[in-house]
Amino acid sequence: MEKNIGQVDRVIRFILGIALLALLFFVDGGIRWVGLLGIVMLFTAAVGYCPLYKPLGINTNKEK
């Protein structure tokens, strides 16, 4: 699995992941379950690979 997420993209995903997970604790109603997407954001930031980037031809990783 080739890494296709660059450093800036990883930091942004990490911050958004934490913010989305916070929805689970601070928001009531059905919208709080959107916070589970934070798990996906944190996972892709940790491994450096986004499966949606592959078919779209996106690669923000500048390392060779």
C-alpha atoms as a PDB file:
ATOM      1  CA  MET A   1       0.000   0.000   0.000  1.00  0.00           C
ATOM      2  CA  GLU A   2       1.641   3.198  -1.206  1.00  0.00           C
ATOM      3  CA  LYS A   3       1.210   6.258   0.996  1.00  0.00           C
ATOM      4  CA  ASN A   4      -0.784   8.937  -0.810  1.00  0.00           C
ATOM      5  CA  ILE A   5      -1.357  11.456   2.005  1.00  0.00           C
ATOM      6  CA  GLY A   6       1.180  14.214   2.615  1.00  0.00           C
ATOM      7  CA  GLN A   7       2.201  15.711   5.942  1.00  0.00           C
ATOM      8  CA  VAL A   8      -0.118  18.756   5.810  1.00  0.00           C
ATOM      9  CA  ASP A   9      -3.035  16.546   4.746  1.00  0.00           C
ATOM     10  CA  ARG A  10      -2.328  14.204   7.671  1.00  0.00           C
ATOM     11  CA  VAL A  11      -2.360  17.052  10.206  1.00  0.00           C
ATOM     12  CA  ILE A  12      -5.637  18.398   8.804  1.00  0.00           C
ATOM     13  CA  ARG A  13      -7.199  14.920   8.920  1.00  0.00           C
ATOM     14  CA  PHE A  14      -6.029  14.462  12.522  1.00  0.00           C
ATOM     15  CA  ILE A  15      -7.551  17.772  13.646  1.00  0.00           C
ATOM     16  CA  LEU A  16     -10.831  17.091  11.806  1.00  0.00           C
ATOM     17  CA  GLY A  17     -10.930  13.570  13.236  1.00  0.00           C
ATOM     18  CA  ILE A  18     -10.669  14.862  16.793  1.00  0.00           C
ATOM     19  CA  ALA A  19     -13.307  17.530  16.104  1.00  0.00           C
ATOM     20  CA  LEU A  20     -15.708  14.974  14.611  1.00  0.00           C
ATOM     21  CA  LEU A  21     -15.242  12.594  17.523  1.00  0.00           C
ATOM     22  CA  ALA A  22     -16.075  15.450  19.877  1.00  0.00           C
ATOM     23  CA  LEU A  23     -19.551  15.556  18.307  1.00  0.00           C
ATOM     24  CA  LEU A  24     -20.296  12.245  20.000  1.00  0.00           C
ATOM     25  CA  PHE A  25     -19.889  13.849  23.413  1.00  0.00           C
ATOM     26  CA  PHE A  26     -21.104  17.421  22.935  1.00  0.00           C
ATOM     27  CA  VAL A  27     -24.078  17.195  20.544  1.00  0.00           C
ATOM     28  CA  ASP A  28     -27.463  15.584  21.095  1.00  0.00           C
ATOM     29  CA  GLY A  29     -29.683  14.014  18.489  1.00  0.00           C
ATOM     30  CA  GLY A  30     -28.993  12.077  15.328  1.00  0.00           C
ATOM     31  CA  ILE A  31     -26.280  14.406  14.048  1.00  0.00           C
ATOM     32  CA  ARG A  32     -23.940  13.183  16.772  1.00  0.00           C
ATOM     33  CA  TRP A  33     -23.394   9.919  14.876  1.00  0.00           C
ATOM     34  CA  VAL A  34     -21.663  11.867  12.125  1.00  0.00           C
ATOM     35  CA  GLY A  35     -18.874  12.029  14.679  1.00  0.00           C
ATOM     36  CA  LEU A  36     -18.034   8.408  13.919  1.00  0.00           C
ATOM     37  CA  LEU A  37     -16.462   9.637  10.694  1.00  0.00           C
ATOM     38  CA  GLY A  38     -13.724  10.952  12.957  1.00  0.00           C
ATOM     39  CA  ILE A  39     -12.496   7.384  13.383  1.00  0.00           C
ATOM     40  CA  VAL A  40     -11.999   7.107   9.623  1.00  0.00           C
ATOM     41  CA  MET A  41     -10.168  10.434   9.511  1.00  0.00           C
ATOM     42  CA  LEU A  42      -7.847   9.433  12.350  1.00  0.00           C
ATOM     43  CA  PHE A  43      -7.165   6.037  10.782  1.00  0.00           C
ATOM     44  CA  THR A  44      -6.268   7.464   7.367  1.00  0.00           C
ATOM     45  CA  ALA A  45      -4.053  10.066   9.037  1.00  0.00           C
ATOM     46  CA  ALA A  46      -2.261   7.354  11.004  1.00  0.00           C
ATOM     47  CA  VAL A  47      -1.567   5.030   8.061  1.00  0.00           C
ATOM     48  CA  GLY A  48      -0.991   7.754   5.455  1.00  0.00           C
ATOM     49  CA  TYR A  49      -3.277   6.162   2.891  1.00  0.00           C
ATOM     50  CA  CYS A  50      -6.718   7.223   1.662  1.00  0.00           C
ATOM     51  CA  PRO A  51      -8.584   4.655  -0.446  1.00  0.00           C
ATOM     52  CA  LEU A  52     -10.686   7.382  -2.104  1.00  0.00           C
ATOM     53  CA  TYR A  53      -7.590   9.157  -3.408  1.00  0.00           C
ATOM     54  CA  LYS A  54      -6.564   6.152  -5.551  1.00  0.00           C
ATOM     55  CA  PRO A  55      -9.502   6.141  -8.033  1.00  0.00           C
ATOM     56  CA  LEU A  56      -9.524   9.945  -8.106  1.00  0.00           C
ATOM     57  CA  GLY A  57      -5.810  10.068  -8.936  1.00  0.00           C
ATOM     58  CA  ILE A  58      -4.951  12.325  -5.995  1.00  0.00           C
ATOM     59  CA  ASN A  59      -1.596  12.076  -4.246  1.00  0.00           C
ATOM     60  CA  THR A  60      -0.588  14.760  -1.744  1.00  0.00           C
ATOM     61  CA  ASN A  61       2.522  12.863  -0.619  1.00  0.00           C
ATOM     62  CA  LYS A  62       5.585  14.638  -2.014  1.00  0.00           C
ATOM     63  CA  GLU A  63       8.106  12.094  -0.671  1.00  0.00           C
ATOM     64  CA  LYS A  64       9.846   9.857  -3.165  1.00  0.00           C
END
